[in-house]
All heavy atoms as atom14 arrays in JSON, in Angstrom:
{
  "sequence": "EDLMGCVLANVISVYGSTPDLKYFLPRLLEVAIQK",
  "atom14_mask": [
    [1, 1, 1, 1, 1, 1, 1, 1, 1, 0, 0, 0, 0, 0],
    [1, 1, 1, 1, 1, 1, 1, 1, 0, 0, 0, 0, 0, 0],
    [1, 1, 1, 1, 1, 1, 1, 1, 0, 0, 0, 0, 0, 0],
    [1, 1, 1, 1, 1, 1, 1, 1, 0, 0, 0, 0, 0, 0],
    [1, 1, 1, 1, 0, 0, 0, 0, 0, 0, 0, 0, 0, 0],
    [1, 1, 1, 1, 1, 1, 0, 0, 0, 0, 0, 0, 0, 0],
    [1, 1, 1, 1, 1, 1, 1, 0, 0, 0, 0, 0, 0, 0],
    [1, 1, 1, 1, 1, 1, 1, 1, 0, 0, 0, 0, 0, 0],
    [1, 1, 1, 1, 1, 0, 0, 0, 0, 0, 0, 0, 0, 0],
    [1, 1, 1, 1, 1, 1, 1, 1, 0, 0, 0, 0, 0, 0],
    [1, 1, 1, 1, 1, 1, 1, 0, 0, 0, 0, 0, 0, 0],
    [1, 1, 1, 1, 1, 1, 1, 1, 0, 0, 0, 0, 0, 0],
    [1, 1, 1, 1, 1, 1, 0, 0, 0, 0, 0, 0, 0, 0],
    [1, 1, 1, 1, 1, 1, 1, 0, 0, 0, 0, 0, 0, 0],
    [1, 1, 1, 1, 1, 1, 1, 1, 1, 1, 1, 1, 0, 0],
    [1, 1, 1, 1, 0, 0, 0, 0, 0, 0, 0, 0, 0, 0],
    [1, 1, 1, 1, 1, 1, 0, 0, 0, 0, 0, 0, 0, 0],
    [1, 1, 1, 1, 1, 1, 1, 0, 0, 0, 0, 0, 0, 0],
    [1, 1, 1, 1, 1, 1, 1, 0, 0, 0, 0, 0, 0, 0],
    [1, 1, 1, 1, 1, 1, 1, 1, 0, 0, 0, 0, 0, 0],
    [1, 1, 1, 1, 1, 1, 1, 1, 0, 0, 0, 0, 0, 0],
    [1, 1, 1, 1, 1, 1, 1, 1, 1, 0, 0, 0, 0, 0],
    [1, 1, 1, 1, 1, 1, 1, 1, 1, 1, 1, 1, 0, 0],
    [1, 1, 1, 1, 1, 1, 1, 1, 1, 1, 1, 0, 0, 0],
    [1, 1, 1, 1, 1, 1, 1, 1, 0, 0, 0, 0, 0, 0],
    [1, 1, 1, 1, 1, 1, 1, 0, 0, 0, 0, 0, 0, 0],
    [1, 1, 1, 1, 1, 1, 1, 1, 1, 1, 1, 0, 0, 0],
    [1, 1, 1, 1, 1, 1, 1, 1, 0, 0, 0, 0, 0, 0],
    [1, 1, 1, 1, 1, 1, 1, 1, 0, 0, 0, 0, 0, 0],
    [1, 1, 1, 1, 1, 1, 1, 1, 1, 0, 0, 0, 0, 0],
    [1, 1, 1, 1, 1, 1, 1, 0, 0, 0, 0, 0, 0, 0],
    [1, 1, 1, 1, 1, 0, 0, 0, 0, 0, 0, 0, 0, 0],
    [1, 1, 1, 1, 1, 1, 1, 1, 0, 0, 0, 0, 0, 0],
    [1, 1, 1, 1, 1, 1, 1, 1, 1, 0, 0, 0, 0, 0],
    [1, 1, 1, 1, 1, 1, 1, 1, 1, 0, 0, 0, 0, 0]
  ],
  "atom14_positions": [
    [[5.41, -6.21, -3.7], [4.74, -5.17, -4.48], [3.74, -5.79, -5.44], [2.66, -5.22, -5.68], [5.77, -4.34, -5.24], [6.65, -3.5, -4.32], [7.59, -2.6, -5.1], [7.43, -2.5, -6.34], [8.49, -2.01, -4.48], [0.0, 0.0, 0.0], [0.0, 0.0, 0.0], [0.0, 0.0, 0.0], [0.0, 0.0, 0.0], [0.0, 0.0, 0.0]],
    [[4.06, -6.94, -6.02], [3.13, -7.6, -6.94], [1.84, -7.97, -6.21], [0.74, -7.79, -6.75], [3.76, -8.86, -7.54], [4.83, -8.54, -8.57], [4.86, -7.38, -9.04], [5.63, -9.43, -8.89], [0.0, 0.0, 0.0], [0.0, 0.0, 0.0], [0.0, 0.0, 0.0], [0.0, 0.0, 0.0], [0.0, 0.0, 0.0], [0.0, 0.0, 0.0]],
    [[1.97, -8.47, -5.0], [0.78, -8.83, -4.24], [-0.03, -7.59, -3.9], [-1.26, -7.59, -3.97], [1.17, -9.56, -2.96], [0.01, -10.0, -2.05], [-0.92, -10.95, -2.79], [0.54, -10.66, -0.79], [0.0, 0.0, 0.0], [0.0, 0.0, 0.0], [0.0, 0.0, 0.0], [0.0, 0.0, 0.0], [0.0, 0.0, 0.0], [0.0, 0.0, 0.0]],
    [[0.65, -6.49, -3.57], [-0.07, -5.27, -3.26], [-0.8, -4.72, -4.47], [-1.89, -4.15, -4.37], [0.9, -4.21, -2.71], [1.4, -4.48, -1.3], [0.06, -4.55, -0.07], [-0.24, -6.32, -0.02], [0.0, 0.0, 0.0], [0.0, 0.0, 0.0], [0.0, 0.0, 0.0], [0.0, 0.0, 0.0], [0.0, 0.0, 0.0], [0.0, 0.0, 0.0]],
    [[-0.21, -4.9, -5.65], [-0.91, -4.5, -6.87], [-2.19, -5.27, -7.05], [-3.23, -4.71, -7.44], [0.0, 0.0, 0.0], [0.0, 0.0, 0.0], [0.0, 0.0, 0.0], [0.0, 0.0, 0.0], [0.0, 0.0, 0.0], [0.0, 0.0, 0.0], [0.0, 0.0, 0.0], [0.0, 0.0, 0.0], [0.0, 0.0, 0.0], [0.0, 0.0, 0.0]],
    [[-2.16, -6.55, -6.76], [-3.36, -7.39, -6.82], [-4.38, -6.95, -5.79], [-5.57, -6.85, -6.07], [-2.97, -8.85, -6.62], [-4.36, -9.99, -6.6], [0.0, 0.0, 0.0], [0.0, 0.0, 0.0], [0.0, 0.0, 0.0], [0.0, 0.0, 0.0], [0.0, 0.0, 0.0], [0.0, 0.0, 0.0], [0.0, 0.0, 0.0], [0.0, 0.0, 0.0]],
    [[-3.9, -6.66, -4.59], [-4.79, -6.21, -3.52], [-5.5, -4.92, -3.92], [-6.72, -4.78, -3.77], [-4.01, -6.02, -2.21], [-4.86, -5.28, -1.18], [-3.58, -7.37, -1.65], [0.0, 0.0, 0.0], [0.0, 0.0, 0.0], [0.0, 0.0, 0.0], [0.0, 0.0, 0.0], [0.0, 0.0, 0.0], [0.0, 0.0, 0.0], [0.0, 0.0, 0.0]],
    [[-4.75, -3.96, -4.45], [-5.33, -2.67, -4.81], [-6.3, -2.8, -5.97], [-7.4, -2.25, -5.95], [-4.22, -1.68, -5.16], [-4.7, -0.28, -5.57], [-5.51, 0.37, -4.44], [-3.52, 0.6, -5.94], [0.0, 0.0, 0.0], [0.0, 0.0, 0.0], [0.0, 0.0, 0.0], [0.0, 0.0, 0.0], [0.0, 0.0, 0.0], [0.0, 0.0, 0.0]],
    [[-5.91, -3.55, -6.99], [-6.72, -3.61, -8.2], [-7.98, -4.43, -8.03], [-9.0, -4.15, -8.67], [-5.88, -4.18, -9.34], [0.0, 0.0, 0.0], [0.0, 0.0, 0.0], [0.0, 0.0, 0.0], [0.0, 0.0, 0.0], [0.0, 0.0, 0.0], [0.0, 0.0, 0.0], [0.0, 0.0, 0.0], [0.0, 0.0, 0.0], [0.0, 0.0, 0.0]],
    [[-7.93, -5.45, -7.19], [-9.05, -6.38, -7.12], [-9.73, -6.41, -5.75], [-10.91, -6.12, -5.64], [-8.56, -7.8, -7.45], [-8.01, -7.89, -8.85], [-8.71, -7.62, -9.81], [-6.74, -8.26, -8.98], [0.0, 0.0, 0.0], [0.0, 0.0, 0.0], [0.0, 0.0, 0.0], [0.0, 0.0, 0.0], [0.0, 0.0, 0.0], [0.0, 0.0, 0.0]],
    [[-8.98, -6.74, -4.74], [-9.6, -7.04, -3.46], [-10.12, -5.79, -2.77], [-11.29, -5.71, -2.39], [-8.61, -7.8, -2.55], [-9.27, -8.16, -1.24], [-8.13, -9.05, -3.26], [0.0, 0.0, 0.0], [0.0, 0.0, 0.0], [0.0, 0.0, 0.0], [0.0, 0.0, 0.0], [0.0, 0.0, 0.0], [0.0, 0.0, 0.0], [0.0, 0.0, 0.0]],
    [[-9.27, -4.77, -2.6], [-9.69, -3.58, -1.88], [-10.8, -2.86, -2.65], [-11.79, -2.38, -2.08], [-8.5, -2.64, -1.65], [-7.48, -3.31, -0.72], [-8.97, -1.32, -1.06], [-8.04, -3.74, 0.62], [0.0, 0.0, 0.0], [0.0, 0.0, 0.0], [0.0, 0.0, 0.0], [0.0, 0.0, 0.0], [0.0, 0.0, 0.0], [0.0, 0.0, 0.0]],
    [[-10.68, -2.79, -3.96], [-11.66, -2.05, -4.75], [-12.97, -2.79, -4.93], [-14.01, -2.18, -5.1], [-11.06, -1.72, -6.12], [-9.9, -0.93, -5.98], [0.0, 0.0, 0.0], [0.0, 0.0, 0.0], [0.0, 0.0, 0.0], [0.0, 0.0, 0.0], [0.0, 0.0, 0.0], [0.0, 0.0, 0.0], [0.0, 0.0, 0.0], [0.0, 0.0, 0.0]],
    [[-12.93, -4.13, -4.9], [-14.1, -4.91, -5.26], [-14.64, -5.72, -4.09], [-15.83, -5.69, -3.79], [-13.78, -5.85, -6.44], [-15.02, -6.65, -6.83], [-13.28, -5.05, -7.63], [0.0, 0.0, 0.0], [0.0, 0.0, 0.0], [0.0, 0.0, 0.0], [0.0, 0.0, 0.0], [0.0, 0.0, 0.0], [0.0, 0.0, 0.0], [0.0, 0.0, 0.0]],
    [[-13.77, -6.43, -3.4], [-14.21, -7.41, -2.42], [-14.06, -6.96, -0.97], [-14.79, -7.41, -0.09], [-13.43, -8.72, -2.6], [-13.57, -9.33, -3.96], [-12.6, -9.14, -4.93], [-14.68, -10.1, -4.28], [-12.72, -9.69, -6.18], [-14.8, -10.67, -5.54], [-13.82, -10.46, -6.49], [-13.94, -11.01, -7.74], [0.0, 0.0, 0.0], [0.0, 0.0, 0.0]],
    [[-13.07, -6.13, -0.69], [-12.64, -5.93, 0.68], [-13.57, -5.08, 1.53], [-14.26, -4.2, 1.04], [0.0, 0.0, 0.0], [0.0, 0.0, 0.0], [0.0, 0.0, 0.0], [0.0, 0.0, 0.0], [0.0, 0.0, 0.0], [0.0, 0.0, 0.0], [0.0, 0.0, 0.0], [0.0, 0.0, 0.0], [0.0, 0.0, 0.0], [0.0, 0.0, 0.0]],
    [[-13.55, -5.35, 2.83], [-14.29, -4.56, 3.81], [-13.32, -3.59, 4.49], [-12.12, -3.57, 4.19], [-14.93, -5.48, 4.84], [-13.93, -6.19, 5.56], [0.0, 0.0, 0.0], [0.0, 0.0, 0.0], [0.0, 0.0, 0.0], [0.0, 0.0, 0.0], [0.0, 0.0, 0.0], [0.0, 0.0, 0.0], [0.0, 0.0, 0.0], [0.0, 0.0, 0.0]],
    [[-13.83, -2.81, 5.44], [-12.99, -1.82, 6.12], [-11.81, -2.45, 6.86], [-10.68, -1.96, 6.74], [-13.84, -0.98, 7.08], [-14.88, -0.35, 6.35], [-13.0, 0.07, 7.77], [0.0, 0.0, 0.0], [0.0, 0.0, 0.0], [0.0, 0.0, 0.0], [0.0, 0.0, 0.0], [0.0, 0.0, 0.0], [0.0, 0.0, 0.0], [0.0, 0.0, 0.0]],
    [[-11.99, -3.53, 7.63], [-10.82, -4.14, 8.28], [-9.78, -4.64, 7.27], [-8.58, -4.57, 7.55], [-11.42, -5.32, 9.07], [-12.83, -4.92, 9.3], [-13.25, -4.17, 8.08], [0.0, 0.0, 0.0], [0.0, 0.0, 0.0], [0.0, 0.0, 0.0], [0.0, 0.0, 0.0], [0.0, 0.0, 0.0], [0.0, 0.0, 0.0], [0.0, 0.0, 0.0]],
    [[-10.23, -5.12, 6.12], [-9.28, -5.54, 5.08], [-8.42, -4.36, 4.62], [-7.2, -4.46, 4.52], [-10.03, -6.12, 3.87], [-10.92, -7.29, 4.23], [-10.54, -8.06, 5.12], [-11.99, -7.43, 3.61], [0.0, 0.0, 0.0], [0.0, 0.0, 0.0], [0.0, 0.0, 0.0], [0.0, 0.0, 0.0], [0.0, 0.0, 0.0], [0.0, 0.0, 0.0]],
    [[-9.09, -3.25, 4.34], [-8.36, -2.06, 3.91], [-7.4, -1.59, 4.98], [-6.25, -1.26, 4.7], [-9.34, -0.94, 3.57], [-8.71, 0.42, 3.25], [-7.83, 0.33, 2.02], [-9.79, 1.49, 3.06], [0.0, 0.0, 0.0], [0.0, 0.0, 0.0], [0.0, 0.0, 0.0], [0.0, 0.0, 0.0], [0.0, 0.0, 0.0], [0.0, 0.0, 0.0]],
    [[-7.85, -1.56, 6.22], [-7.0, -1.05, 7.3], [-5.77, -1.93, 7.51], [-4.69, -1.43, 7.85], [-7.8, -0.91, 8.59], [-8.81, 0.23, 8.55], [-9.53, 0.39, 9.89], [-10.47, 1.57, 9.89], [-11.1, 1.79, 11.2], [0.0, 0.0, 0.0], [0.0, 0.0, 0.0], [0.0, 0.0, 0.0], [0.0, 0.0, 0.0], [0.0, 0.0, 0.0]],
    [[-5.92, -3.23, 7.33], [-4.77, -4.12, 7.49], [-3.7, -3.8, 6.45], [-2.51, -3.71, 6.77], [-5.2, -5.58, 7.37], [-4.02, -6.53, 7.4], [-3.27, -6.69, 8.56], [-3.65, -7.24, 6.26], [-2.17, -7.53, 8.59], [-2.55, -8.09, 6.28], [-1.82, -8.24, 7.44], [-0.73, -9.08, 7.47], [0.0, 0.0, 0.0], [0.0, 0.0, 0.0]],
    [[-4.12, -3.63, 5.2], [-3.16, -3.41, 4.11], [-2.79, -1.94, 3.9], [-1.82, -1.66, 3.17], [-3.74, -3.96, 2.79], [-3.82, -5.46, 2.72], [-5.05, -6.1, 2.69], [-2.67, -6.23, 2.67], [-5.13, -7.48, 2.61], [-2.75, -7.62, 2.59], [-3.98, -8.24, 2.56], [0.0, 0.0, 0.0], [0.0, 0.0, 0.0], [0.0, 0.0, 0.0]],
    [[-3.53, -1.02, 4.48], [-3.39, 0.4, 4.15], [-1.96, 0.94, 4.2], [-1.49, 1.55, 3.22], [-4.3, 1.23, 5.07], [-4.25, 2.74, 4.83], [-5.0, 3.1, 3.56], [-4.85, 3.5, 6.02], [0.0, 0.0, 0.0], [0.0, 0.0, 0.0], [0.0, 0.0, 0.0], [0.0, 0.0, 0.0], [0.0, 0.0, 0.0], [0.0, 0.0, 0.0]],
    [[-1.21, 0.75, 5.29], [0.14, 1.32, 5.3], [1.03, 0.79, 4.19], [1.77, 1.55, 3.56], [0.68, 0.92, 6.69], [-0.54, 0.69, 7.51], [-1.54, 0.1, 6.57], [0.0, 0.0, 0.0], [0.0, 0.0, 0.0], [0.0, 0.0, 0.0], [0.0, 0.0, 0.0], [0.0, 0.0, 0.0], [0.0, 0.0, 0.0], [0.0, 0.0, 0.0]],
    [[0.95, -0.5, 3.92], [1.78, -1.08, 2.86], [1.31, -0.62, 1.49], [2.13, -0.36, 0.6], [1.73, -2.61, 2.95], [2.59, -3.32, 1.91], [4.05, -2.96, 2.01], [4.86, -3.73, 1.08], [5.99, -3.3, 0.53], [6.47, -2.09, 0.83], [6.66, -4.06, -0.31], [0.0, 0.0, 0.0], [0.0, 0.0, 0.0], [0.0, 0.0, 0.0]],
    [[0.0, -0.49, 1.29], [-0.51, 0.02, 0.02], [0.01, 1.43, -0.25], [0.44, 1.75, -1.37], [-2.04, 0.03, 0.03], [-2.74, -1.32, -0.15], [-4.23, -1.17, 0.16], [-2.54, -1.86, -1.56], [0.0, 0.0, 0.0], [0.0, 0.0, 0.0], [0.0, 0.0, 0.0], [0.0, 0.0, 0.0], [0.0, 0.0, 0.0], [0.0, 0.0, 0.0]],
    [[0.0, 2.28, 0.77], [0.48, 3.65, 0.59], [1.99, 3.69, 0.37], [2.49, 4.47, -0.43], [0.08, 4.5, 1.81], [-1.41, 4.79, 1.93], [-1.71, 5.47, 3.26], [-1.89, 5.65, 0.77], [0.0, 0.0, 0.0], [0.0, 0.0, 0.0], [0.0, 0.0, 0.0], [0.0, 0.0, 0.0], [0.0, 0.0, 0.0], [0.0, 0.0, 0.0]],
    [[2.7, 2.84, 1.08], [4.15, 2.78, 0.91], [4.51, 2.39, -0.52], [5.36, 3.03, -1.16], [4.75, 1.79, 1.9], [6.27, 1.72, 1.86], [6.82, 0.81, 2.94], [6.27, -0.31, 3.12], [7.79, 1.21, 3.62], [0.0, 0.0, 0.0], [0.0, 0.0, 0.0], [0.0, 0.0, 0.0], [0.0, 0.0, 0.0], [0.0, 0.0, 0.0]],
    [[3.86, 1.36, -1.02], [4.14, 0.9, -2.39], [3.71, 1.96, -3.41], [4.38, 2.19, -4.41], [3.43, -0.45, -2.65], [3.47, -0.81, -4.12], [4.07, -1.55, -1.81], [0.0, 0.0, 0.0], [0.0, 0.0, 0.0], [0.0, 0.0, 0.0], [0.0, 0.0, 0.0], [0.0, 0.0, 0.0], [0.0, 0.0, 0.0], [0.0, 0.0, 0.0]],
    [[2.59, 2.62, -3.13], [2.04, 3.59, -4.09], [3.0, 4.75, -4.36], [3.01, 5.29, -5.47], [0.71, 4.12, -3.58], [0.0, 0.0, 0.0], [0.0, 0.0, 0.0], [0.0, 0.0, 0.0], [0.0, 0.0, 0.0], [0.0, 0.0, 0.0], [0.0, 0.0, 0.0], [0.0, 0.0, 0.0], [0.0, 0.0, 0.0], [0.0, 0.0, 0.0]],
    [[3.79, 5.14, -3.37], [4.66, 6.31, -3.57], [6.11, 5.95, -3.86], [6.91, 6.83, -4.16], [4.61, 7.25, -2.34], [5.21, 6.57, -1.11], [3.2, 7.71, -2.08], [5.34, 7.49, 0.09], [0.0, 0.0, 0.0], [0.0, 0.0, 0.0], [0.0, 0.0, 0.0], [0.0, 0.0, 0.0], [0.0, 0.0, 0.0], [0.0, 0.0, 0.0]],
    [[6.45, 4.67, -3.8], [7.85, 4.3, -3.97], [8.31, 4.41, -5.42], [9.48, 4.71, -5.67], [8.1, 2.89, -3.45], [8.25, 2.83, -1.94], [8.5, 1.42, -1.43], [8.09, 0.44, -2.05], [9.17, 1.31, -0.31], [0.0, 0.0, 0.0], [0.0, 0.0, 0.0], [0.0, 0.0, 0.0], [0.0, 0.0, 0.0], [0.0, 0.0, 0.0]],
    [[7.43, 4.17, -6.36], [7.82, 4.21, -7.77], [7.2, 5.44, -8.43], [5.99, 5.63, -8.38], [7.4, 2.93, -8.48], [8.18, 1.72, -7.98], [8.04, 0.53, -8.9], [8.96, -0.61, -8.46], [8.86, -1.78, -9.35], [0.0, 0.0, 0.0], [0.0, 0.0, 0.0], [0.0, 0.0, 0.0], [0.0, 0.0, 0.0], [0.0, 0.0, 0.0]]
  ]
}
């Protein structure tokens, strides 16, 4: 979850391209609704 927080806050929002988002998307959504 800590890594996903980093991915969401920095990489996906700032650096990432569409394939980057699609790779992480299911895990990002899973983490987003768990807490």
